Amino acid sequence: MFKNLLKVTLRNIAKDKIYSVINVLGLTIGIACSLFLVLYILDELSFDDFHENSDHVYRVVTHFQEPDNTFSWPNAQIPLAQELEAKYTEVARSVRFIQTGRELFVHSDRDIRFYEEDIFYADSSVFDVFSFSFLAGNPQSALVEPNSMVLTESLAQKYFSDQDPIGRSLQNRDNVYKITGVIQDVPRNSHIDFDGLIARSTLDNELGS
């Protein structure tokens, strides 16, 4: 039965080749587009799901409404974090990220210097909220002390090569940062992307947003 159906199908294809090619090509393109769409959706849904508490992590945004425009901005005032933790029992932990901007970092012992754009100041609670994997250092204390700094694996390799970076330092203008931890590179499917973190306590309390 199947053999006869196959013969009839091949004959029909041979009888009208152009029509058959159009049908096969259309079916192929349709299947390919569907697969790409499924892969895209799966990729979008995978963002931040590597965090252990991903279902309980929320990002605070500020919503602006003007007479002729409405928009949201991923910023909040500095005191908001402590206020939420103190006055709302639903909030277990909070963490703030403050971008340094484009800054020159120097490893003076090896005379290595690079401009970095993806360094952030962050509260020490960052590793309680987010599950970034540590390769060296203690996540509980890595960003407690002022002027302490945690590097991603790639940034540590960039400045220190095969040396152990823990206990060494990088300099930025007049500030010297002690390396207290190294983490795996931030996964591509993370909405927070950085190369290094500096203790938020390094800044004055009122600085940043």
N, C-alpha and C. Protein backbone atom coordinates (compact mmCIF):
# COMPACT_ATOMS: atom_id res chain seq x y z
N MET A 1 0.83 -1.21 0.00
CA MET A 1 0.00 0.00 0.00
C MET A 1 0.87 1.26 0.00
N PHE A 2 1.81 1.30 0.94
CA PHE A 2 2.70 2.46 1.03
C PHE A 2 3.52 2.62 -0.24
N LYS A 3 3.94 1.48 -0.82
CA LYS A 3 4.75 1.51 -2.03
C LYS A 3 3.96 2.14 -3.18
N ASN A 4 2.67 1.80 -3.29
CA ASN A 4 1.83 2.36 -4.34
C ASN A 4 1.62 3.86 -4.15
N LEU A 5 1.39 4.26 -2.89
CA LEU A 5 1.22 5.69 -2.59
C LEU A 5 2.48 6.48 -2.95
N LEU A 6 3.64 5.90 -2.65
CA LEU A 6 4.89 6.56 -2.97
C LEU A 6 5.05 6.73 -4.48
N LYS A 7 4.67 5.70 -5.24
CA LYS A 7 4.76 5.77 -6.70
C LYS A 7 3.86 6.87 -7.25
N VAL A 8 2.62 6.90 -6.76
CA VAL A 8 1.66 7.92 -7.21
C VAL A 8 2.18 9.33 -6.89
N THR A 9 2.74 9.49 -5.68
CA THR A 9 3.28 10.79 -5.26
C THR A 9 4.42 11.23 -6.18
N LEU A 10 5.33 10.32 -6.46
CA LEU A 10 6.47 10.65 -7.33
C LEU A 10 6.01 10.99 -8.74
N ARG A 11 5.00 10.28 -9.23
CA ARG A 11 4.48 10.58 -10.55
C ARG A 11 3.85 11.97 -10.61
N ASN A 12 3.09 12.31 -9.55
CA ASN A 12 2.46 13.63 -9.50
C ASN A 12 3.50 14.74 -9.43
N ILE A 13 4.58 14.49 -8.66
CA ILE A 13 5.65 15.47 -8.57
C ILE A 13 6.33 15.65 -9.92
N ALA A 14 6.59 14.53 -10.62
CA ALA A 14 7.25 14.59 -11.92
C ALA A 14 6.35 15.22 -12.98
N LYS A 15 5.03 15.07 -12.83
CA LYS A 15 4.08 15.58 -13.83
C LYS A 15 4.08 17.11 -13.84
N ASP A 16 4.14 17.71 -12.63
CA ASP A 16 4.12 19.19 -12.55
C ASP A 16 5.24 19.63 -11.62
N LYS A 17 6.46 19.69 -12.18
CA LYS A 17 7.64 19.93 -11.35
C LYS A 17 7.64 21.32 -10.70
N ILE A 18 7.25 22.34 -11.44
CA ILE A 18 7.28 23.70 -10.90
C ILE A 18 6.33 23.83 -9.72
N TYR A 19 5.12 23.33 -9.88
CA TYR A 19 4.13 23.37 -8.80
C TYR A 19 4.62 22.61 -7.58
N SER A 20 5.24 21.45 -7.81
CA SER A 20 5.75 20.63 -6.70
C SER A 20 6.89 21.32 -5.97
N VAL A 21 7.80 21.95 -6.74
CA VAL A 21 8.92 22.67 -6.11
C VAL A 21 8.41 23.82 -5.26
N ILE A 22 7.43 24.56 -5.76
CA ILE A 22 6.85 25.68 -4.99
C ILE A 22 6.25 25.17 -3.68
N ASN A 23 5.52 24.06 -3.74
CA ASN A 23 4.90 23.50 -2.53
C ASN A 23 5.94 23.04 -1.52
N VAL A 24 6.94 22.30 -2.01
CA VAL A 24 8.00 21.80 -1.11
C VAL A 24 8.78 22.95 -0.51
N LEU A 25 9.13 23.96 -1.34
CA LEU A 25 9.87 25.12 -0.85
C LEU A 25 9.07 25.89 0.18
N GLY A 26 7.77 26.08 -0.09
CA GLY A 26 6.92 26.78 0.87
C GLY A 26 6.81 26.05 2.19
N LEU A 27 6.67 24.71 2.11
CA LEU A 27 6.59 23.91 3.33
C LEU A 27 7.89 23.99 4.12
N THR A 28 9.01 23.94 3.41
CA THR A 28 10.33 24.01 4.07
C THR A 28 10.53 25.34 4.77
N ILE A 29 10.19 26.43 4.07
CA ILE A 29 10.33 27.76 4.66
C ILE A 29 9.41 27.91 5.88
N GLY A 30 8.18 27.39 5.76
CA GLY A 30 7.24 27.47 6.88
C GLY A 30 7.74 26.75 8.11
N ILE A 31 8.27 25.53 7.92
CA ILE A 31 8.79 24.76 9.05
C ILE A 31 10.01 25.46 9.66
N ALA A 32 10.90 25.96 8.79
CA ALA A 32 12.10 26.65 9.28
C ALA A 32 11.73 27.89 10.10
N CYS A 33 10.78 28.69 9.59
CA CYS A 33 10.34 29.90 10.31
C CYS A 33 9.71 29.53 11.65
N SER A 34 8.94 28.47 11.68
CA SER A 34 8.31 28.02 12.93
C SER A 34 9.36 27.62 13.95
N LEU A 35 10.39 26.89 13.49
CA LEU A 35 11.47 26.46 14.39
C LEU A 35 12.22 27.67 14.94
N PHE A 36 12.52 28.65 14.06
CA PHE A 36 13.22 29.85 14.52
C PHE A 36 12.37 30.61 15.54
N LEU A 37 11.07 30.67 15.31
CA LEU A 37 10.17 31.36 16.23
C LEU A 37 10.15 30.67 17.59
N VAL A 38 10.08 29.33 17.59
CA VAL A 38 10.10 28.58 18.85
C VAL A 38 11.41 28.80 19.59
N LEU A 39 12.53 28.76 18.87
CA LEU A 39 13.84 28.98 19.49
C LEU A 39 13.94 30.38 20.08
N TYR A 40 13.40 31.38 19.37
CA TYR A 40 13.42 32.76 19.86
C TYR A 40 12.61 32.90 21.14
N ILE A 41 11.43 32.30 21.16
CA ILE A 41 10.57 32.38 22.35
C ILE A 41 11.22 31.68 23.54
N LEU A 42 11.79 30.50 23.30
CA LEU A 42 12.47 29.78 24.38
C LEU A 42 13.63 30.59 24.93
N ASP A 43 14.37 31.27 24.04
CA ASP A 43 15.49 32.10 24.48
C ASP A 43 15.01 33.26 25.33
N GLU A 44 13.94 33.92 24.89
CA GLU A 44 13.39 35.05 25.65
C GLU A 44 12.90 34.60 27.03
N LEU A 45 12.27 33.44 27.08
CA LEU A 45 11.73 32.95 28.35
C LEU A 45 12.82 32.43 29.29
N SER A 46 14.02 32.21 28.76
CA SER A 46 15.10 31.67 29.59
C SER A 46 15.84 32.75 30.39
N PHE A 47 15.56 34.03 30.11
CA PHE A 47 16.31 35.09 30.77
C PHE A 47 16.13 35.05 32.29
N ASP A 48 17.26 35.08 32.97
CA ASP A 48 17.33 35.13 34.44
C ASP A 48 16.83 33.88 35.14
N ASP A 49 16.49 32.82 34.41
CA ASP A 49 15.96 31.63 35.08
C ASP A 49 17.06 30.80 35.74
N PHE A 50 18.33 31.17 35.56
CA PHE A 50 19.42 30.45 36.22
C PHE A 50 19.57 30.87 37.68
N HIS A 51 18.91 31.96 38.08
CA HIS A 51 18.95 32.38 39.48
C HIS A 51 18.07 31.47 40.32
N GLU A 52 18.57 31.07 41.46
CA GLU A 52 17.84 30.15 42.33
C GLU A 52 16.49 30.70 42.74
N ASN A 53 16.42 32.02 42.99
CA ASN A 53 15.17 32.64 43.44
C ASN A 53 14.56 33.51 42.34
N SER A 54 14.70 33.10 41.10
CA SER A 54 14.25 33.94 39.98
C SER A 54 12.76 34.29 40.07
N ASP A 55 11.95 33.40 40.61
CA ASP A 55 10.50 33.66 40.70
C ASP A 55 10.16 34.71 41.75
N HIS A 56 11.15 35.08 42.58
CA HIS A 56 10.88 36.02 43.67
C HIS A 56 11.68 37.31 43.53
N VAL A 57 12.32 37.50 42.39
CA VAL A 57 13.13 38.69 42.16
C VAL A 57 12.36 39.68 41.28
N TYR A 58 12.28 40.92 41.73
CA TYR A 58 11.56 41.96 41.00
C TYR A 58 12.46 43.18 40.81
N ARG A 59 12.30 43.82 39.67
CA ARG A 59 13.08 45.02 39.40
C ARG A 59 12.19 46.25 39.60
N VAL A 60 12.69 47.23 40.32
CA VAL A 60 11.93 48.45 40.57
C VAL A 60 12.21 49.45 39.45
N VAL A 61 11.14 50.01 38.90
CA VAL A 61 11.29 51.05 37.88
C VAL A 61 10.48 52.27 38.32
N THR A 62 10.86 53.41 37.79
CA THR A 62 10.14 54.65 38.05
C THR A 62 9.27 54.96 36.84
N HIS A 63 8.00 55.21 37.09
CA HIS A 63 7.05 55.47 36.02
C HIS A 63 6.78 56.98 35.95
N PHE A 64 7.09 57.58 34.79
CA PHE A 64 6.88 59.01 34.58
C PHE A 64 5.66 59.23 33.69
N GLN A 65 4.86 60.20 34.08
CA GLN A 65 3.71 60.56 33.26
C GLN A 65 3.72 62.08 33.06
N GLU A 66 3.91 62.49 31.82
CA GLU A 66 3.92 63.90 31.47
C GLU A 66 2.69 64.20 30.60
N PRO A 67 2.37 65.46 30.42
CA PRO A 67 1.17 65.80 29.62
C PRO A 67 1.18 65.18 28.22
N ASP A 68 2.37 65.10 27.61
CA ASP A 68 2.42 64.59 26.24
C ASP A 68 3.22 63.29 26.11
N ASN A 69 3.56 62.67 27.24
CA ASN A 69 4.37 61.45 27.14
C ASN A 69 4.30 60.65 28.44
N THR A 70 4.42 59.33 28.31
CA THR A 70 4.46 58.43 29.46
C THR A 70 5.56 57.40 29.22
N PHE A 71 6.44 57.22 30.20
CA PHE A 71 7.52 56.26 30.02
C PHE A 71 8.01 55.75 31.37
N SER A 72 8.73 54.64 31.32
CA SER A 72 9.30 54.04 32.54
C SER A 72 10.82 54.08 32.45
N TRP A 73 11.46 54.25 33.60
CA TRP A 73 12.90 54.38 33.66
C TRP A 73 13.42 53.45 34.76
N PRO A 74 14.42 52.61 34.48
CA PRO A 74 14.88 51.64 35.49
C PRO A 74 15.76 52.26 36.57
N ASN A 75 15.29 53.32 37.17
CA ASN A 75 16.01 54.01 38.23
C ASN A 75 15.10 54.20 39.44
N ALA A 76 15.72 54.35 40.59
CA ALA A 76 14.97 54.67 41.81
C ALA A 76 15.89 55.45 42.73
N GLN A 77 15.30 56.15 43.69
CA GLN A 77 16.11 56.93 44.62
C GLN A 77 16.87 56.00 45.58
N ILE A 78 18.05 56.45 45.99
CA ILE A 78 18.93 55.64 46.83
C ILE A 78 18.26 55.10 48.10
N PRO A 79 17.51 55.91 48.87
CA PRO A 79 16.94 55.41 50.14
C PRO A 79 15.84 54.37 49.97
N LEU A 80 15.33 54.18 48.76
CA LEU A 80 14.18 53.30 48.57
C LEU A 80 14.46 51.88 49.03
N ALA A 81 15.68 51.38 48.79
CA ALA A 81 16.01 50.00 49.15
C ALA A 81 15.82 49.74 50.64
N GLN A 82 16.41 50.64 51.47
CA GLN A 82 16.27 50.45 52.93
C GLN A 82 14.83 50.64 53.39
N GLU A 83 14.13 51.57 52.76
CA GLU A 83 12.74 51.80 53.13
C GLU A 83 11.87 50.57 52.86
N LEU A 84 12.08 49.95 51.72
CA LEU A 84 11.29 48.76 51.38
C LEU A 84 11.58 47.62 52.35
N GLU A 85 12.87 47.41 52.65
CA GLU A 85 13.23 46.33 53.58
C GLU A 85 12.68 46.59 54.98
N ALA A 86 12.68 47.85 55.40
CA ALA A 86 12.28 48.19 56.76
C ALA A 86 10.76 48.19 56.94
N LYS A 87 10.02 48.60 55.93
CA LYS A 87 8.59 48.86 56.10
C LYS A 87 7.67 47.87 55.40
N TYR A 88 8.23 47.01 54.55
CA TYR A 88 7.40 46.05 53.83
C TYR A 88 7.91 44.64 54.10
N THR A 89 7.14 43.88 54.84
CA THR A 89 7.58 42.53 55.23
C THR A 89 7.72 41.60 54.03
N GLU A 90 7.07 41.94 52.92
CA GLU A 90 7.19 41.11 51.72
C GLU A 90 8.59 41.16 51.12
N VAL A 91 9.33 42.23 51.41
CA VAL A 91 10.66 42.41 50.84
C VAL A 91 11.69 41.79 51.76
N ALA A 92 12.32 40.72 51.30
CA ALA A 92 13.32 40.01 52.11
C ALA A 92 14.69 40.67 52.00
N ARG A 93 15.11 40.97 50.77
CA ARG A 93 16.42 41.58 50.53
C ARG A 93 16.29 42.55 49.36
N SER A 94 17.16 43.54 49.36
CA SER A 94 17.19 44.48 48.24
C SER A 94 18.65 44.69 47.84
N VAL A 95 18.84 45.04 46.59
CA VAL A 95 20.20 45.31 46.10
C VAL A 95 20.13 46.43 45.07
N ARG A 96 21.12 47.31 45.11
CA ARG A 96 21.17 48.43 44.18
C ARG A 96 22.40 48.30 43.28
N PHE A 97 22.24 48.64 42.01
CA PHE A 97 23.34 48.68 41.05
C PHE A 97 23.52 50.12 40.59
N ILE A 98 24.75 50.59 40.62
CA ILE A 98 25.06 51.95 40.17
C ILE A 98 26.23 51.85 39.19
N GLN A 99 26.01 52.24 37.96
CA GLN A 99 27.05 52.09 36.95
C GLN A 99 28.14 53.13 37.12
N THR A 100 29.38 52.71 36.94
CA THR A 100 30.51 53.64 37.09
C THR A 100 30.69 54.51 35.85
N GLY A 101 30.19 54.05 34.71
CA GLY A 101 30.48 54.74 33.46
C GLY A 101 31.83 54.27 32.91
N ARG A 102 32.31 54.92 31.88
CA ARG A 102 33.57 54.52 31.26
C ARG A 102 34.74 55.01 32.10
N GLU A 103 35.48 54.08 32.68
CA GLU A 103 36.56 54.42 33.59
C GLU A 103 37.82 53.64 33.23
N LEU A 104 38.97 54.24 33.50
CA LEU A 104 40.26 53.59 33.27
C LEU A 104 40.68 52.83 34.52
N PHE A 105 40.89 51.52 34.38
CA PHE A 105 41.37 50.69 35.48
C PHE A 105 42.80 50.23 35.18
N VAL A 106 43.64 50.27 36.24
CA VAL A 106 45.07 50.00 36.06
C VAL A 106 45.52 48.92 37.03
N HIS A 107 46.26 47.95 36.51
CA HIS A 107 46.97 46.98 37.34
C HIS A 107 48.42 47.42 37.33
N SER A 108 48.81 48.19 38.35
CA SER A 108 50.11 48.86 38.34
C SER A 108 51.29 47.89 38.37
N ASP A 109 51.15 46.74 39.03
CA ASP A 109 52.27 45.79 39.11
C ASP A 109 52.68 45.28 37.73
N ARG A 110 51.72 45.16 36.83
CA ARG A 110 52.03 44.64 35.50
C ARG A 110 51.92 45.73 34.43
N ASP A 111 51.66 46.96 34.87
CA ASP A 111 51.50 48.09 33.95
C ASP A 111 50.48 47.78 32.86
N ILE A 112 49.31 47.27 33.29
CA ILE A 112 48.21 46.95 32.38
C ILE A 112 47.06 47.90 32.67
N ARG A 113 46.51 48.48 31.64
CA ARG A 113 45.41 49.43 31.84
C ARG A 113 44.39 49.30 30.71
N PHE A 114 43.12 49.33 31.08
CA PHE A 114 42.03 49.24 30.10
C PHE A 114 40.89 50.15 30.55
N TYR A 115 40.18 50.71 29.57
CA TYR A 115 38.93 51.41 29.87
C TYR A 115 37.82 50.36 29.98
N GLU A 116 37.06 50.44 31.05
CA GLU A 116 35.95 49.51 31.28
C GLU A 116 34.64 50.28 31.33
N GLU A 117 33.60 49.70 30.74
CA GLU A 117 32.29 50.35 30.71
C GLU A 117 31.21 49.57 31.46
N ASP A 118 31.50 48.34 31.85
CA ASP A 118 30.49 47.50 32.48
C ASP A 118 30.87 47.12 33.91
N ILE A 119 31.31 48.12 34.67
CA ILE A 119 31.59 47.94 36.10
C ILE A 119 30.48 48.66 36.88
N PHE A 120 29.97 48.00 37.91
CA PHE A 120 28.89 48.58 38.72
C PHE A 120 29.28 48.58 40.20
N TYR A 121 28.79 49.57 40.92
CA TYR A 121 28.76 49.50 42.38
C TYR A 121 27.52 48.69 42.75
N ALA A 122 27.65 47.83 43.75
CA ALA A 122 26.51 47.00 44.16
C ALA A 122 26.55 46.73 45.65
N ASP A 123 25.37 46.59 46.24
CA ASP A 123 25.29 46.24 47.67
C ASP A 123 25.81 44.83 47.89
N SER A 124 26.28 44.58 49.12
CA SER A 124 26.82 43.25 49.45
C SER A 124 25.75 42.16 49.36
N SER A 125 24.48 42.55 49.37
CA SER A 125 23.38 41.59 49.28
C SER A 125 23.17 41.05 47.86
N VAL A 126 23.95 41.53 46.91
CA VAL A 126 23.77 41.12 45.52
C VAL A 126 23.85 39.60 45.35
N PHE A 127 24.71 38.96 46.14
CA PHE A 127 24.88 37.51 45.99
C PHE A 127 23.88 36.71 46.83
N ASP A 128 23.07 37.42 47.63
CA ASP A 128 21.93 36.79 48.29
C ASP A 128 20.72 36.76 47.35
N VAL A 129 20.63 37.79 46.53
CA VAL A 129 19.50 37.92 45.62
C VAL A 129 19.73 37.16 44.32
N PHE A 130 20.95 37.25 43.79
CA PHE A 130 21.27 36.65 42.51
C PHE A 130 22.27 35.50 42.67
N SER A 131 22.10 34.47 41.85
CA SER A 131 22.91 33.24 41.97
C SER A 131 24.07 33.25 40.97
N PHE A 132 24.99 34.18 41.15
CA PHE A 132 26.19 34.19 40.33
C PHE A 132 27.21 33.24 40.96
N SER A 133 27.80 32.37 40.16
CA SER A 133 28.65 31.30 40.67
C SER A 133 30.06 31.81 40.99
N PHE A 134 30.48 31.61 42.23
CA PHE A 134 31.81 32.05 42.67
C PHE A 134 32.86 31.01 42.31
N LEU A 135 33.98 31.48 41.77
CA LEU A 135 35.14 30.64 41.50
C LEU A 135 36.18 30.82 42.60
N ALA A 136 36.19 31.99 43.23
CA ALA A 136 37.12 32.27 44.32
C ALA A 136 36.52 33.36 45.20
N GLY A 137 36.79 33.29 46.49
CA GLY A 137 36.27 34.29 47.42
C GLY A 137 35.00 33.82 48.11
N ASN A 138 34.54 34.62 49.06
CA ASN A 138 33.36 34.30 49.85
C ASN A 138 32.22 35.24 49.48
N PRO A 139 31.12 34.74 48.93
CA PRO A 139 30.03 35.62 48.51
C PRO A 139 29.39 36.40 49.66
N GLN A 140 29.48 35.89 50.87
CA GLN A 140 28.89 36.57 52.01
C GLN A 140 29.66 37.83 52.43
N SER A 141 30.95 37.86 52.13
CA SER A 141 31.76 38.98 52.59
C SER A 141 32.49 39.72 51.47
N ALA A 142 32.32 39.26 50.23
CA ALA A 142 33.12 39.79 49.12
C ALA A 142 32.94 41.29 48.91
N LEU A 143 31.72 41.80 49.12
CA LEU A 143 31.47 43.22 48.85
C LEU A 143 31.03 43.97 50.11
N VAL A 144 31.47 43.51 51.25
CA VAL A 144 31.09 44.17 52.50
C VAL A 144 31.97 45.39 52.76
N GLU A 145 33.27 45.22 52.66
CA GLU A 145 34.20 46.30 52.96
C GLU A 145 34.27 47.31 51.81
N PRO A 146 34.40 48.62 52.13
CA PRO A 146 34.60 49.62 51.07
C PRO A 146 35.83 49.29 50.24
N ASN A 147 35.79 49.65 48.97
CA ASN A 147 36.90 49.46 48.03
C ASN A 147 37.23 47.99 47.78
N SER A 148 36.26 47.10 48.04
CA SER A 148 36.43 45.70 47.65
C SER A 148 35.77 45.52 46.29
N MET A 149 36.26 44.54 45.54
CA MET A 149 35.83 44.39 44.15
C MET A 149 35.77 42.92 43.76
N VAL A 150 34.74 42.55 43.02
CA VAL A 150 34.59 41.19 42.49
C VAL A 150 34.66 41.26 40.97
N LEU A 151 35.46 40.38 40.37
CA LEU A 151 35.65 40.36 38.93
C LEU A 151 34.99 39.13 38.32
N THR A 152 34.58 39.25 37.07
CA THR A 152 34.19 38.06 36.33
C THR A 152 35.47 37.33 35.90
N GLU A 153 35.30 36.08 35.52
CA GLU A 153 36.46 35.28 35.12
C GLU A 153 37.22 35.92 33.96
N SER A 154 36.50 36.45 32.99
CA SER A 154 37.13 37.06 31.82
C SER A 154 37.93 38.31 32.20
N LEU A 155 37.37 39.14 33.09
CA LEU A 155 38.07 40.36 33.49
C LEU A 155 39.30 40.02 34.33
N ALA A 156 39.19 39.01 35.18
CA ALA A 156 40.34 38.59 35.98
C ALA A 156 41.47 38.10 35.08
N GLN A 157 41.11 37.33 34.05
CA GLN A 157 42.10 36.84 33.10
C GLN A 157 42.74 38.01 32.34
N LYS A 158 41.96 39.02 32.04
CA LYS A 158 42.41 40.17 31.27
C LYS A 158 43.51 40.94 32.01
N TYR A 159 43.36 41.09 33.33
CA TYR A 159 44.32 41.87 34.10
C TYR A 159 45.40 41.02 34.77
N PHE A 160 45.04 39.82 35.18
CA PHE A 160 45.97 39.02 36.00
C PHE A 160 46.47 37.75 35.32
N SER A 161 45.99 37.47 34.12
CA SER A 161 46.39 36.25 33.39
C SER A 161 46.17 35.03 34.28
N ASP A 162 47.22 34.26 34.51
CA ASP A 162 47.09 33.04 35.30
C ASP A 162 47.37 33.25 36.79
N GLN A 163 47.62 34.49 37.20
CA GLN A 163 47.86 34.78 38.61
C GLN A 163 46.55 34.68 39.39
N ASP A 164 46.65 34.38 40.67
CA ASP A 164 45.49 34.39 41.55
C ASP A 164 45.18 35.84 41.89
N PRO A 165 44.03 36.38 41.46
CA PRO A 165 43.75 37.80 41.71
C PRO A 165 43.33 38.14 43.14
N ILE A 166 42.94 37.14 43.92
CA ILE A 166 42.45 37.40 45.27
C ILE A 166 43.55 38.06 46.10
N GLY A 167 43.20 39.20 46.71
CA GLY A 167 44.15 39.93 47.53
C GLY A 167 44.95 40.95 46.75
N ARG A 168 44.91 40.88 45.42
CA ARG A 168 45.61 41.87 44.60
C ARG A 168 44.68 43.07 44.39
N SER A 169 45.11 44.04 43.60
CA SER A 169 44.31 45.25 43.49
C SER A 169 44.33 45.85 42.08
N LEU A 170 43.28 46.63 41.80
CA LEU A 170 43.19 47.45 40.61
C LEU A 170 42.99 48.89 41.05
N GLN A 171 43.48 49.81 40.26
CA GLN A 171 43.38 51.23 40.61
C GLN A 171 42.53 51.96 39.58
N ASN A 172 41.72 52.87 40.08
CA ASN A 172 40.88 53.71 39.24
C ASN A 172 41.01 55.14 39.75
N ARG A 173 41.69 55.96 38.98
CA ARG A 173 42.01 57.33 39.42
C ARG A 173 42.70 57.27 40.79
N ASP A 174 42.10 57.85 41.84
CA ASP A 174 42.74 57.86 43.15
C ASP A 174 42.30 56.70 44.04
N ASN A 175 41.44 55.83 43.53
CA ASN A 175 40.92 54.73 44.33
C ASN A 175 41.64 53.42 44.01
N VAL A 176 41.91 52.66 45.05
CA VAL A 176 42.51 51.34 44.90
C VAL A 176 41.51 50.31 45.40
N TYR A 177 41.20 49.32 44.56
CA TYR A 177 40.20 48.32 44.90
C TYR A 177 40.87 46.97 45.12
N LYS A 178 40.56 46.37 46.24
CA LYS A 178 41.10 45.06 46.57
C LYS A 178 40.19 43.97 45.98
N ILE A 179 40.78 43.03 45.26
CA ILE A 179 40.01 41.96 44.65
C ILE A 179 39.67 40.92 45.72
N THR A 180 38.38 40.73 45.95
CA THR A 180 37.93 39.82 47.00
C THR A 180 37.16 38.61 46.46
N GLY A 181 36.93 38.58 45.16
CA GLY A 181 36.19 37.45 44.61
C GLY A 181 36.26 37.40 43.09
N VAL A 182 36.08 36.20 42.56
CA VAL A 182 35.99 35.99 41.11
C VAL A 182 34.78 35.11 40.85
N ILE A 183 33.94 35.52 39.93
CA ILE A 183 32.75 34.74 39.59
C ILE A 183 32.81 34.31 38.12
N GLN A 184 32.01 33.34 37.78
CA GLN A 184 31.90 32.94 36.38
C GLN A 184 31.32 34.10 35.58
N ASP A 185 31.65 34.17 34.30
CA ASP A 185 31.11 35.21 33.45
C ASP A 185 29.59 35.20 33.51
N VAL A 186 29.01 36.38 33.49
CA VAL A 186 27.55 36.50 33.55
C VAL A 186 26.95 35.83 32.32
N PRO A 187 25.99 34.91 32.49
CA PRO A 187 25.39 34.23 31.34
C PRO A 187 24.79 35.21 30.34
N ARG A 188 24.76 34.81 29.09
CA ARG A 188 24.23 35.67 28.04
C ARG A 188 22.74 35.98 28.27
N ASN A 189 22.02 35.05 28.88
CA ASN A 189 20.58 35.25 29.10
C ASN A 189 20.31 35.87 30.47
N SER A 190 21.12 36.88 30.80
CA SER A 190 20.90 37.66 32.02
C SER A 190 20.59 39.09 31.62
N HIS A 191 19.55 39.68 32.21
CA HIS A 191 19.23 41.07 31.84
C HIS A 191 20.19 42.03 32.53
N ILE A 192 20.91 41.56 33.57
CA ILE A 192 21.97 42.35 34.19
C ILE A 192 23.30 41.84 33.64
N ASP A 193 24.05 42.70 33.00
CA ASP A 193 25.31 42.29 32.38
C ASP A 193 26.43 43.17 32.92
N PHE A 194 27.45 42.56 33.49
CA PHE A 194 28.56 43.33 34.04
C PHE A 194 29.84 42.51 33.97
N ASP A 195 30.97 43.23 34.09
CA ASP A 195 32.29 42.59 34.12
C ASP A 195 32.91 42.62 35.52
N GLY A 196 32.41 43.50 36.36
CA GLY A 196 32.94 43.59 37.70
C GLY A 196 32.00 44.37 38.61
N LEU A 197 32.09 44.11 39.91
CA LEU A 197 31.27 44.78 40.91
C LEU A 197 32.16 45.37 42.00
N ILE A 198 31.85 46.60 42.40
CA ILE A 198 32.56 47.28 43.49
C ILE A 198 31.58 47.47 44.63
N ALA A 199 32.06 47.36 45.85
CA ALA A 199 31.20 47.51 47.03
C ALA A 199 30.50 48.86 47.03
N ARG A 200 29.18 48.85 47.19
CA ARG A 200 28.39 50.08 47.24
C ARG A 200 28.84 50.96 48.39
N SER A 201 29.35 50.38 49.45
CA SER A 201 29.80 51.15 50.61
C SER A 201 31.00 52.04 50.30
N THR A 202 31.59 51.86 49.11
CA THR A 202 32.69 52.72 48.69
C THR A 202 32.22 54.14 48.45
N LEU A 203 30.97 54.29 47.99
CA LEU A 203 30.40 55.60 47.68
C LEU A 203 29.79 56.25 48.91
N ASP A 204 29.67 57.56 48.86
CA ASP A 204 28.89 58.27 49.88
C ASP A 204 27.45 57.80 49.80
N ASN A 205 26.75 57.84 50.91
CA ASN A 205 25.39 57.31 50.96
C ASN A 205 24.43 57.96 49.98
N GLU A 206 24.65 59.24 49.70
CA GLU A 206 23.69 59.94 48.87
C GLU A 206 24.01 59.85 47.38
N LEU A 207 25.13 59.27 47.01
CA LEU A 207 25.52 59.22 45.60
C LEU A 207 24.87 58.05 44.86
N GLY A 208 24.50 58.33 43.61
CA GLY A 208 24.00 57.24 42.76
C GLY A 208 22.48 57.18 42.69
N SER A 209 21.99 56.33 41.82
CA SER A 209 20.56 56.06 41.71
C SER A 209 20.38 54.72 41.03
